All heavy atoms as atom14 arrays in JSON, in Angstrom:
{
  "sequence": "PHRLALLVPFRERFEELLAFVPYMHRFLSKKKIRHRIFILNQVDHFR",
  "atom14_mask": [
    [1, 1, 1, 1, 1, 1, 1, 0, 0, 0, 0, 0, 0, 0],
    [1, 1, 1, 1, 1, 1, 1, 1, 1, 1, 0, 0, 0, 0],
    [1, 1, 1, 1, 1, 1, 1, 1, 1, 1, 1, 0, 0, 0],
    [1, 1, 1, 1, 1, 1, 1, 1, 0, 0, 0, 0, 0, 0],
    [1, 1, 1, 1, 1, 0, 0, 0, 0, 0, 0, 0, 0, 0],
    [1, 1, 1, 1, 1, 1, 1, 1, 0, 0, 0, 0, 0, 0],
    [1, 1, 1, 1, 1, 1, 1, 1, 0, 0, 0, 0, 0, 0],
    [1, 1, 1, 1, 1, 1, 1, 0, 0, 0, 0, 0, 0, 0],
    [1, 1, 1, 1, 1, 1, 1, 0, 0, 0, 0, 0, 0, 0],
    [1, 1, 1, 1, 1, 1, 1, 1, 1, 1, 1, 0, 0, 0],
    [1, 1, 1, 1, 1, 1, 1, 1, 1, 1, 1, 0, 0, 0],
    [1, 1, 1, 1, 1, 1, 1, 1, 1, 0, 0, 0, 0, 0],
    [1, 1, 1, 1, 1, 1, 1, 1, 1, 1, 1, 0, 0, 0],
    [1, 1, 1, 1, 1, 1, 1, 1, 1, 1, 1, 0, 0, 0],
    [1, 1, 1, 1, 1, 1, 1, 1, 1, 0, 0, 0, 0, 0],
    [1, 1, 1, 1, 1, 1, 1, 1, 1, 0, 0, 0, 0, 0],
    [1, 1, 1, 1, 1, 1, 1, 1, 0, 0, 0, 0, 0, 0],
    [1, 1, 1, 1, 1, 1, 1, 1, 0, 0, 0, 0, 0, 0],
    [1, 1, 1, 1, 1, 0, 0, 0, 0, 0, 0, 0, 0, 0],
    [1, 1, 1, 1, 1, 1, 1, 1, 1, 1, 1, 0, 0, 0],
    [1, 1, 1, 1, 1, 1, 1, 0, 0, 0, 0, 0, 0, 0],
    [1, 1, 1, 1, 1, 1, 1, 0, 0, 0, 0, 0, 0, 0],
    [1, 1, 1, 1, 1, 1, 1, 1, 1, 1, 1, 1, 0, 0],
    [1, 1, 1, 1, 1, 1, 1, 1, 0, 0, 0, 0, 0, 0],
    [1, 1, 1, 1, 1, 1, 1, 1, 1, 1, 0, 0, 0, 0],
    [1, 1, 1, 1, 1, 1, 1, 1, 1, 1, 1, 0, 0, 0],
    [1, 1, 1, 1, 1, 1, 1, 1, 1, 1, 1, 0, 0, 0],
    [1, 1, 1, 1, 1, 1, 1, 1, 0, 0, 0, 0, 0, 0],
    [1, 1, 1, 1, 1, 1, 0, 0, 0, 0, 0, 0, 0, 0],
    [1, 1, 1, 1, 1, 1, 1, 1, 1, 0, 0, 0, 0, 0],
    [1, 1, 1, 1, 1, 1, 1, 1, 1, 0, 0, 0, 0, 0],
    [1, 1, 1, 1, 1, 1, 1, 1, 1, 0, 0, 0, 0, 0],
    [1, 1, 1, 1, 1, 1, 1, 1, 0, 0, 0, 0, 0, 0],
    [1, 1, 1, 1, 1, 1, 1, 1, 1, 1, 1, 0, 0, 0],
    [1, 1, 1, 1, 1, 1, 1, 1, 1, 1, 0, 0, 0, 0],
    [1, 1, 1, 1, 1, 1, 1, 1, 1, 1, 1, 0, 0, 0],
    [1, 1, 1, 1, 1, 1, 1, 1, 0, 0, 0, 0, 0, 0],
    [1, 1, 1, 1, 1, 1, 1, 1, 1, 1, 1, 0, 0, 0],
    [1, 1, 1, 1, 1, 1, 1, 1, 0, 0, 0, 0, 0, 0],
    [1, 1, 1, 1, 1, 1, 1, 1, 0, 0, 0, 0, 0, 0],
    [1, 1, 1, 1, 1, 1, 1, 1, 0, 0, 0, 0, 0, 0],
    [1, 1, 1, 1, 1, 1, 1, 1, 1, 0, 0, 0, 0, 0],
    [1, 1, 1, 1, 1, 1, 1, 0, 0, 0, 0, 0, 0, 0],
    [1, 1, 1, 1, 1, 1, 1, 1, 0, 0, 0, 0, 0, 0],
    [1, 1, 1, 1, 1, 1, 1, 1, 1, 1, 0, 0, 0, 0],
    [1, 1, 1, 1, 1, 1, 1, 1, 1, 1, 1, 0, 0, 0],
    [1, 1, 1, 1, 1, 1, 1, 1, 1, 1, 1, 0, 0, 0]
  ],
  "atom14_positions": [
    [[103.25, 98.53, 95.3], [102.68, 99.02, 94.17], [101.42, 99.77, 94.24], [101.02, 100.5, 93.31], [102.5, 97.71, 93.29], [102.22, 96.7, 94.32], [103.21, 97.07, 95.5], [0.0, 0.0, 0.0], [0.0, 0.0, 0.0], [0.0, 0.0, 0.0], [0.0, 0.0, 0.0], [0.0, 0.0, 0.0], [0.0, 0.0, 0.0], [0.0, 0.0, 0.0]],
    [[100.68, 99.59, 95.32], [99.4, 100.33, 95.46], [99.59, 101.67, 96.14], [100.64, 101.91, 96.81], [98.46, 99.39, 96.2], [98.21, 98.08, 95.68], [97.25, 97.8, 94.59], [98.74, 97.0, 95.8], [97.3, 96.69, 94.17], [98.22, 96.02, 94.96], [0.0, 0.0, 0.0], [0.0, 0.0, 0.0], [0.0, 0.0, 0.0], [0.0, 0.0, 0.0]],
    [[98.54, 102.49, 96.1], [98.63, 103.8, 96.74], [97.37, 103.97, 97.68], [96.26, 103.8, 97.22], [98.76, 104.98, 95.76], [99.01, 106.3, 96.46], [99.04, 107.47, 95.48], [100.06, 107.27, 94.49], [101.48, 107.59, 94.66], [101.75, 108.2, 95.76], [102.2, 107.41, 93.67], [0.0, 0.0, 0.0], [0.0, 0.0, 0.0], [0.0, 0.0, 0.0]],
    [[97.69, 104.38, 98.88], [96.65, 104.55, 99.9], [96.18, 105.94, 100.02], [96.95, 106.97, 100.06], [97.17, 104.09, 101.25], [96.37, 104.39, 102.63], [95.1, 103.65, 102.55], [97.21, 104.14, 103.76], [0.0, 0.0, 0.0], [0.0, 0.0, 0.0], [0.0, 0.0, 0.0], [0.0, 0.0, 0.0], [0.0, 0.0, 0.0], [0.0, 0.0, 0.0]],
    [[94.87, 106.14, 100.12], [94.27, 107.49, 100.26], [93.89, 107.41, 101.89], [92.9, 106.72, 102.21], [92.98, 107.8, 99.46], [0.0, 0.0, 0.0], [0.0, 0.0, 0.0], [0.0, 0.0, 0.0], [0.0, 0.0, 0.0], [0.0, 0.0, 0.0], [0.0, 0.0, 0.0], [0.0, 0.0, 0.0], [0.0, 0.0, 0.0], [0.0, 0.0, 0.0]],
    [[94.59, 108.22, 102.65], [94.27, 108.32, 104.06], [93.23, 109.3, 104.3], [93.55, 110.55, 104.22], [95.61, 108.54, 104.89], [95.61, 108.23, 106.34], [95.61, 106.66, 106.57], [96.83, 108.82, 106.98], [0.0, 0.0, 0.0], [0.0, 0.0, 0.0], [0.0, 0.0, 0.0], [0.0, 0.0, 0.0], [0.0, 0.0, 0.0], [0.0, 0.0, 0.0]],
    [[91.99, 108.92, 104.59], [90.91, 109.95, 104.75], [90.69, 110.23, 106.23], [90.2, 109.24, 106.92], [89.63, 109.31, 104.06], [89.74, 108.8, 102.67], [88.47, 108.26, 102.19], [90.3, 109.85, 101.79], [0.0, 0.0, 0.0], [0.0, 0.0, 0.0], [0.0, 0.0, 0.0], [0.0, 0.0, 0.0], [0.0, 0.0, 0.0], [0.0, 0.0, 0.0]],
    [[90.8, 111.56, 106.52], [90.79, 111.91, 107.97], [89.64, 113.0, 108.16], [89.83, 114.16, 107.86], [92.15, 112.54, 108.33], [92.18, 112.71, 109.87], [93.32, 111.59, 107.97], [0.0, 0.0, 0.0], [0.0, 0.0, 0.0], [0.0, 0.0, 0.0], [0.0, 0.0, 0.0], [0.0, 0.0, 0.0], [0.0, 0.0, 0.0], [0.0, 0.0, 0.0]],
    [[88.45, 112.51, 108.6], [87.41, 113.48, 108.91], [87.86, 114.47, 109.99], [88.48, 114.02, 111.02], [86.2, 112.55, 109.44], [86.64, 111.21, 108.94], [88.05, 111.17, 108.89], [0.0, 0.0, 0.0], [0.0, 0.0, 0.0], [0.0, 0.0, 0.0], [0.0, 0.0, 0.0], [0.0, 0.0, 0.0], [0.0, 0.0, 0.0], [0.0, 0.0, 0.0]],
    [[87.47, 115.72, 109.84], [88.19, 116.69, 110.63], [87.25, 117.92, 110.92], [86.56, 118.35, 109.86], [89.52, 117.17, 110.01], [90.23, 118.21, 110.79], [90.97, 117.88, 111.92], [90.13, 119.54, 110.45], [91.74, 118.81, 112.6], [90.79, 120.52, 111.14], [91.54, 120.13, 112.26], [0.0, 0.0, 0.0], [0.0, 0.0, 0.0], [0.0, 0.0, 0.0]],
    [[87.33, 118.53, 112.04], [86.68, 119.75, 112.47], [87.38, 120.32, 113.72], [87.14, 119.81, 114.79], [85.2, 119.68, 112.59], [84.6, 121.05, 112.95], [83.02, 120.94, 113.09], [82.32, 121.39, 111.96], [80.99, 121.37, 111.87], [80.24, 120.91, 112.9], [80.4, 121.8, 110.78], [0.0, 0.0, 0.0], [0.0, 0.0, 0.0], [0.0, 0.0, 0.0]],
    [[88.16, 121.37, 113.57], [88.66, 122.16, 114.72], [89.41, 121.37, 115.7], [89.3, 121.6, 116.99], [87.36, 122.89, 115.39], [86.66, 123.89, 114.57], [85.49, 124.41, 115.19], [85.18, 123.97, 116.24], [84.9, 125.37, 114.72], [0.0, 0.0, 0.0], [0.0, 0.0, 0.0], [0.0, 0.0, 0.0], [0.0, 0.0, 0.0], [0.0, 0.0, 0.0]],
    [[90.21, 120.55, 115.23], [91.12, 119.7, 116.16], [92.51, 119.78, 115.81], [93.27, 118.92, 115.49], [90.61, 118.25, 116.16], [89.2, 118.05, 116.73], [88.61, 116.68, 116.41], [89.21, 115.71, 117.41], [88.6, 114.48, 117.63], [87.51, 114.14, 116.94], [89.15, 113.67, 118.43], [0.0, 0.0, 0.0], [0.0, 0.0, 0.0], [0.0, 0.0, 0.0]],
    [[93.0, 121.15, 115.81], [94.17, 121.4, 115.16], [95.42, 120.85, 115.95], [96.38, 120.48, 115.35], [94.42, 122.91, 114.95], [93.4, 123.58, 113.95], [92.12, 124.17, 114.53], [93.57, 123.41, 112.64], [91.25, 124.65, 113.59], [92.61, 123.9, 111.71], [91.45, 124.5, 112.3], [0.0, 0.0, 0.0], [0.0, 0.0, 0.0], [0.0, 0.0, 0.0]],
    [[95.38, 120.88, 117.22], [96.42, 120.31, 117.97], [96.61, 118.81, 117.69], [97.78, 118.26, 117.67], [96.3, 120.43, 119.47], [95.17, 119.81, 120.12], [93.76, 120.35, 119.9], [93.68, 121.49, 119.29], [92.79, 119.73, 120.36], [0.0, 0.0, 0.0], [0.0, 0.0, 0.0], [0.0, 0.0, 0.0], [0.0, 0.0, 0.0], [0.0, 0.0, 0.0]],
    [[95.56, 118.06, 117.52], [95.7, 116.61, 117.1], [96.19, 116.56, 115.74], [97.02, 115.67, 115.37], [94.36, 116.03, 117.29], [93.96, 115.92, 118.76], [92.44, 115.5, 118.84], [91.8, 115.2, 117.86], [91.91, 115.54, 119.93], [0.0, 0.0, 0.0], [0.0, 0.0, 0.0], [0.0, 0.0, 0.0], [0.0, 0.0, 0.0], [0.0, 0.0, 0.0]],
    [[95.78, 117.35, 114.79], [96.31, 117.3, 113.47], [97.74, 117.64, 113.27], [98.43, 116.94, 112.5], [95.43, 118.42, 112.6], [95.79, 118.44, 111.06], [95.16, 117.18, 110.46], [95.14, 119.7, 110.45], [0.0, 0.0, 0.0], [0.0, 0.0, 0.0], [0.0, 0.0, 0.0], [0.0, 0.0, 0.0], [0.0, 0.0, 0.0], [0.0, 0.0, 0.0]],
    [[98.24, 118.56, 114.13], [99.7, 118.76, 114.09], [100.56, 117.66, 114.47], [101.72, 117.43, 113.95], [99.98, 120.09, 114.99], [99.45, 121.35, 114.49], [99.72, 122.45, 115.55], [100.01, 121.74, 113.18], [0.0, 0.0, 0.0], [0.0, 0.0, 0.0], [0.0, 0.0, 0.0], [0.0, 0.0, 0.0], [0.0, 0.0, 0.0], [0.0, 0.0, 0.0]],
    [[99.97, 116.75, 115.32], [100.72, 115.51, 115.74], [100.46, 114.45, 114.66], [101.38, 113.71, 114.39], [100.23, 115.08, 117.06], [0.0, 0.0, 0.0], [0.0, 0.0, 0.0], [0.0, 0.0, 0.0], [0.0, 0.0, 0.0], [0.0, 0.0, 0.0], [0.0, 0.0, 0.0], [0.0, 0.0, 0.0], [0.0, 0.0, 0.0], [0.0, 0.0, 0.0]],
    [[99.28, 114.38, 114.18], [98.84, 113.2, 113.28], [99.51, 113.23, 111.9], [100.13, 112.18, 111.58], [97.35, 113.35, 113.08], [96.74, 112.22, 112.23], [96.36, 111.02, 112.71], [96.66, 112.36, 110.79], [95.86, 109.98, 111.95], [96.12, 111.35, 109.98], [95.81, 110.2, 110.55], [0.0, 0.0, 0.0], [0.0, 0.0, 0.0], [0.0, 0.0, 0.0]],
    [[99.61, 114.28, 111.22], [100.1, 114.23, 109.86], [101.53, 113.82, 109.8], [101.96, 112.96, 109.07], [99.81, 115.63, 109.12], [100.52, 115.66, 107.79], [98.36, 115.87, 108.92], [0.0, 0.0, 0.0], [0.0, 0.0, 0.0], [0.0, 0.0, 0.0], [0.0, 0.0, 0.0], [0.0, 0.0, 0.0], [0.0, 0.0, 0.0], [0.0, 0.0, 0.0]],
    [[102.46, 114.46, 110.57], [103.9, 114.1, 110.46], [104.11, 112.73, 110.95], [104.99, 111.92, 110.42], [104.66, 115.16, 111.25], [103.58, 115.83, 112.02], [102.33, 115.81, 111.46], [0.0, 0.0, 0.0], [0.0, 0.0, 0.0], [0.0, 0.0, 0.0], [0.0, 0.0, 0.0], [0.0, 0.0, 0.0], [0.0, 0.0, 0.0], [0.0, 0.0, 0.0]],
    [[103.32, 112.15, 112.01], [103.53, 110.98, 112.53], [103.07, 109.85, 111.54], [103.85, 108.96, 111.25], [102.7, 110.84, 113.78], [102.96, 109.42, 114.51], [103.83, 109.23, 115.45], [102.06, 108.29, 114.18], [104.03, 108.03, 116.07], [102.21, 107.08, 114.72], [103.29, 106.9, 115.71], [103.46, 105.65, 116.21], [0.0, 0.0, 0.0], [0.0, 0.0, 0.0]],
    [[101.89, 110.03, 110.91], [101.51, 109.05, 109.98], [102.28, 109.05, 108.69], [102.48, 107.97, 108.09], [99.95, 109.26, 109.61], [99.02, 108.97, 110.74], [99.25, 107.36, 111.44], [99.02, 106.26, 109.98], [0.0, 0.0, 0.0], [0.0, 0.0, 0.0], [0.0, 0.0, 0.0], [0.0, 0.0, 0.0], [0.0, 0.0, 0.0], [0.0, 0.0, 0.0]],
    [[102.8, 110.22, 108.26], [103.56, 110.14, 107.09], [105.03, 109.39, 107.36], [105.38, 108.57, 106.49], [103.89, 111.64, 106.73], [104.86, 111.71, 105.51], [104.47, 111.32, 104.31], [106.18, 112.23, 105.45], [105.53, 111.56, 103.45], [106.57, 112.0, 104.09], [0.0, 0.0, 0.0], [0.0, 0.0, 0.0], [0.0, 0.0, 0.0], [0.0, 0.0, 0.0]],
    [[105.43, 109.62, 108.55], [106.67, 108.82, 108.88], [106.36, 107.3, 109.09], [107.19, 106.52, 108.59], [107.35, 109.32, 110.09], [108.01, 110.72, 110.07], [108.86, 111.03, 111.28], [108.15, 110.89, 112.53], [107.48, 111.94, 113.02], [107.55, 113.11, 112.5], [106.8, 111.82, 114.19], [0.0, 0.0, 0.0], [0.0, 0.0, 0.0], [0.0, 0.0, 0.0]],
    [[105.25, 106.97, 109.67], [104.88, 105.56, 109.84], [104.68, 104.92, 108.6], [105.23, 103.79, 108.46], [103.67, 105.59, 110.73], [103.19, 104.14, 111.12], [103.68, 103.61, 112.33], [102.25, 103.55, 110.47], [103.26, 102.31, 112.75], [101.83, 102.28, 110.71], [102.34, 101.63, 111.97], [0.0, 0.0, 0.0], [0.0, 0.0, 0.0], [0.0, 0.0, 0.0]],
    [[103.97, 105.44, 107.77], [103.69, 104.77, 106.42], [104.92, 104.7, 105.44], [105.14, 103.73, 104.74], [102.46, 105.51, 105.73], [101.2, 105.37, 106.43], [100.13, 106.26, 105.69], [100.67, 103.94, 106.38], [0.0, 0.0, 0.0], [0.0, 0.0, 0.0], [0.0, 0.0, 0.0], [0.0, 0.0, 0.0], [0.0, 0.0, 0.0], [0.0, 0.0, 0.0]],
    [[105.69, 105.87, 105.6], [106.92, 105.84, 104.66], [107.9, 104.77, 105.17], [108.66, 104.1, 104.36], [107.62, 107.18, 104.76], [106.69, 108.27, 104.22], [0.0, 0.0, 0.0], [0.0, 0.0, 0.0], [0.0, 0.0, 0.0], [0.0, 0.0, 0.0], [0.0, 0.0, 0.0], [0.0, 0.0, 0.0], [0.0, 0.0, 0.0], [0.0, 0.0, 0.0]],
    [[108.01, 104.64, 106.52], [108.87, 103.53, 106.98], [108.5, 102.17, 106.52], [109.3, 101.25, 106.29], [108.93, 103.63, 108.56], [109.86, 102.65, 109.17], [109.93, 102.82, 110.69], [110.93, 101.83, 111.33], [110.92, 102.08, 112.79], [0.0, 0.0, 0.0], [0.0, 0.0, 0.0], [0.0, 0.0, 0.0], [0.0, 0.0, 0.0], [0.0, 0.0, 0.0]],
    [[107.16, 101.94, 106.38], [106.55, 100.71, 105.88], [106.58, 100.64, 104.32], [106.13, 99.72, 103.74], [105.2, 100.53, 106.49], [105.14, 100.37, 107.91], [103.77, 100.31, 108.51], [103.09, 98.99, 108.3], [103.7, 97.89, 109.07], [0.0, 0.0, 0.0], [0.0, 0.0, 0.0], [0.0, 0.0, 0.0], [0.0, 0.0, 0.0], [0.0, 0.0, 0.0]],
    [[107.1, 101.74, 103.68], [107.08, 101.84, 102.2], [105.68, 101.64, 101.63], [105.52, 101.06, 100.63], [108.08, 100.87, 101.61], [109.58, 101.05, 102.06], [110.48, 100.21, 101.32], [111.94, 100.58, 101.74], [112.99, 99.86, 100.91], [0.0, 0.0, 0.0], [0.0, 0.0, 0.0], [0.0, 0.0, 0.0], [0.0, 0.0, 0.0], [0.0, 0.0, 0.0]],
    [[104.69, 102.38, 102.3], [103.35, 102.42, 101.75], [103.22, 103.79, 101.11], [103.37, 104.83, 101.63], [102.35, 102.41, 102.91], [102.5, 101.09, 103.67], [100.98, 102.5, 102.45], [102.12, 99.85, 103.0], [0.0, 0.0, 0.0], [0.0, 0.0, 0.0], [0.0, 0.0, 0.0], [0.0, 0.0, 0.0], [0.0, 0.0, 0.0], [0.0, 0.0, 0.0]],
    [[102.96, 103.69, 99.74], [102.66, 104.91, 98.98], [101.47, 105.54, 99.52], [100.41, 104.71, 99.62], [102.59, 104.65, 97.5], [103.75, 103.9, 96.89], [103.55, 103.51, 95.43], [104.4, 102.48, 94.98], [105.64, 102.74, 94.33], [105.92, 103.92, 94.06], [106.3, 101.68, 93.98], [0.0, 0.0, 0.0], [0.0, 0.0, 0.0], [0.0, 0.0, 0.0]],
    [[101.31, 106.82, 99.74], [100.12, 107.3, 100.4], [99.86, 108.7, 100.06], [100.89, 109.39, 99.71], [100.14, 107.11, 101.88], [101.37, 107.81, 102.54], [102.61, 107.28, 102.54], [101.34, 109.01, 103.26], [103.39, 108.13, 103.19], [102.68, 109.22, 103.6], [0.0, 0.0, 0.0], [0.0, 0.0, 0.0], [0.0, 0.0, 0.0], [0.0, 0.0, 0.0]],
    [[98.6, 109.11, 100.22], [98.26, 110.6, 100.24], [97.3, 110.84, 101.41], [96.51, 110.04, 101.71], [97.64, 110.96, 98.96], [98.49, 110.96, 97.74], [97.77, 111.47, 96.46], [97.29, 112.81, 96.66], [96.48, 113.53, 95.8], [95.96, 112.84, 94.79], [96.39, 114.86, 96.03], [0.0, 0.0, 0.0], [0.0, 0.0, 0.0], [0.0, 0.0, 0.0]],
    [[97.65, 111.86, 102.16], [96.78, 112.23, 103.36], [95.88, 113.3, 102.98], [96.22, 114.41, 102.63], [97.65, 112.65, 104.57], [98.65, 111.45, 104.94], [96.87, 113.01, 105.75], [99.67, 111.89, 105.97], [0.0, 0.0, 0.0], [0.0, 0.0, 0.0], [0.0, 0.0, 0.0], [0.0, 0.0, 0.0], [0.0, 0.0, 0.0], [0.0, 0.0, 0.0]],
    [[94.58, 112.96, 103.21], [93.5, 113.93, 102.92], [92.87, 114.39, 104.21], [92.32, 113.59, 104.96], [92.43, 113.4, 102.01], [92.93, 113.17, 100.58], [93.58, 111.87, 100.28], [92.88, 114.07, 99.58], [93.92, 111.67, 98.97], [93.35, 113.86, 98.24], [93.8, 112.61, 97.99], [0.0, 0.0, 0.0], [0.0, 0.0, 0.0], [0.0, 0.0, 0.0]],
    [[92.9, 115.68, 104.59], [92.14, 116.2, 105.76], [90.83, 116.72, 105.3], [90.76, 117.67, 104.51], [93.01, 117.37, 106.37], [94.48, 116.85, 106.69], [92.35, 117.81, 107.64], [94.56, 115.63, 107.52], [0.0, 0.0, 0.0], [0.0, 0.0, 0.0], [0.0, 0.0, 0.0], [0.0, 0.0, 0.0], [0.0, 0.0, 0.0], [0.0, 0.0, 0.0]],
    [[89.84, 116.15, 105.71], [88.45, 116.37, 105.25], [87.76, 117.29, 106.24], [87.2, 116.9, 107.24], [87.62, 115.08, 105.19], [88.43, 113.91, 104.27], [87.62, 112.6, 104.42], [88.67, 114.37, 102.91], [0.0, 0.0, 0.0], [0.0, 0.0, 0.0], [0.0, 0.0, 0.0], [0.0, 0.0, 0.0], [0.0, 0.0, 0.0], [0.0, 0.0, 0.0]],
    [[87.95, 118.59, 105.95], [87.55, 119.61, 106.99], [86.08, 120.06, 106.77], [85.96, 120.86, 105.75], [88.63, 120.74, 106.81], [88.42, 121.84, 107.91], [87.83, 121.55, 109.02], [88.72, 123.09, 107.52], [0.0, 0.0, 0.0], [0.0, 0.0, 0.0], [0.0, 0.0, 0.0], [0.0, 0.0, 0.0], [0.0, 0.0, 0.0], [0.0, 0.0, 0.0]],
    [[85.27, 119.87, 107.67], [83.85, 120.35, 107.46], [83.73, 121.8, 107.94], [84.0, 121.99, 109.17], [82.99, 119.39, 108.26], [81.41, 119.74, 108.04], [80.46, 118.77, 108.81], [80.96, 117.64, 109.26], [79.39, 119.2, 109.05], [0.0, 0.0, 0.0], [0.0, 0.0, 0.0], [0.0, 0.0, 0.0], [0.0, 0.0, 0.0], [0.0, 0.0, 0.0]],
    [[83.41, 122.65, 106.98], [83.36, 124.07, 107.28], [81.9, 124.7, 107.3], [81.84, 125.98, 107.22], [84.22, 124.85, 106.31], [85.77, 124.37, 106.58], [83.87, 124.57, 104.83], [0.0, 0.0, 0.0], [0.0, 0.0, 0.0], [0.0, 0.0, 0.0], [0.0, 0.0, 0.0], [0.0, 0.0, 0.0], [0.0, 0.0, 0.0], [0.0, 0.0, 0.0]],
    [[80.9, 123.86, 107.07], [79.59, 124.31, 107.06], [79.09, 124.55, 108.54], [79.87, 124.44, 109.41], [78.64, 123.42, 106.31], [78.78, 122.0, 106.86], [78.31, 121.68, 107.89], [79.33, 121.04, 106.08], [0.0, 0.0, 0.0], [0.0, 0.0, 0.0], [0.0, 0.0, 0.0], [0.0, 0.0, 0.0], [0.0, 0.0, 0.0], [0.0, 0.0, 0.0]],
    [[77.81, 124.86, 108.66], [77.29, 125.15, 110.03], [76.32, 124.0, 110.55], [75.67, 124.1, 111.45], [76.54, 126.45, 110.0], [77.27, 127.66, 109.68], [78.36, 128.1, 110.53], [77.35, 128.48, 108.52], [78.91, 129.19, 109.9], [78.25, 129.38, 108.74], [0.0, 0.0, 0.0], [0.0, 0.0, 0.0], [0.0, 0.0, 0.0], [0.0, 0.0, 0.0]],
    [[76.42, 122.87, 109.79], [75.68, 121.68, 110.33], [76.49, 120.92, 111.35], [77.68, 121.23, 111.52], [75.3, 120.76, 109.19], [74.46, 121.43, 108.08], [74.85, 121.7, 106.82], [73.14, 121.78, 108.47], [74.0, 122.32, 105.85], [72.23, 122.44, 107.56], [72.69, 122.67, 106.28], [0.0, 0.0, 0.0], [0.0, 0.0, 0.0], [0.0, 0.0, 0.0]],
    [[75.87, 119.97, 111.94], [76.56, 119.14, 112.95], [77.49, 118.22, 112.22], [77.39, 118.04, 110.94], [75.52, 118.26, 113.67], [74.54, 119.08, 114.51], [73.5, 118.2, 115.09], [74.0, 117.29, 116.07], [73.21, 116.33, 116.64], [71.95, 115.99, 116.18], [73.84, 115.45, 117.6], [0.0, 0.0, 0.0], [0.0, 0.0, 0.0], [0.0, 0.0, 0.0]]
  ]
}
């Protein structure tokens, strides 16, 4: 009945992202966890 917000801090790690998103979507769907995946992409010039 609950819905998970999957919060993923991110910067310039695209090869990992391409593996992560489909894998986690399948993993959580198989467990019947309602979810939304948020990629939190830092695009400023700070650390």
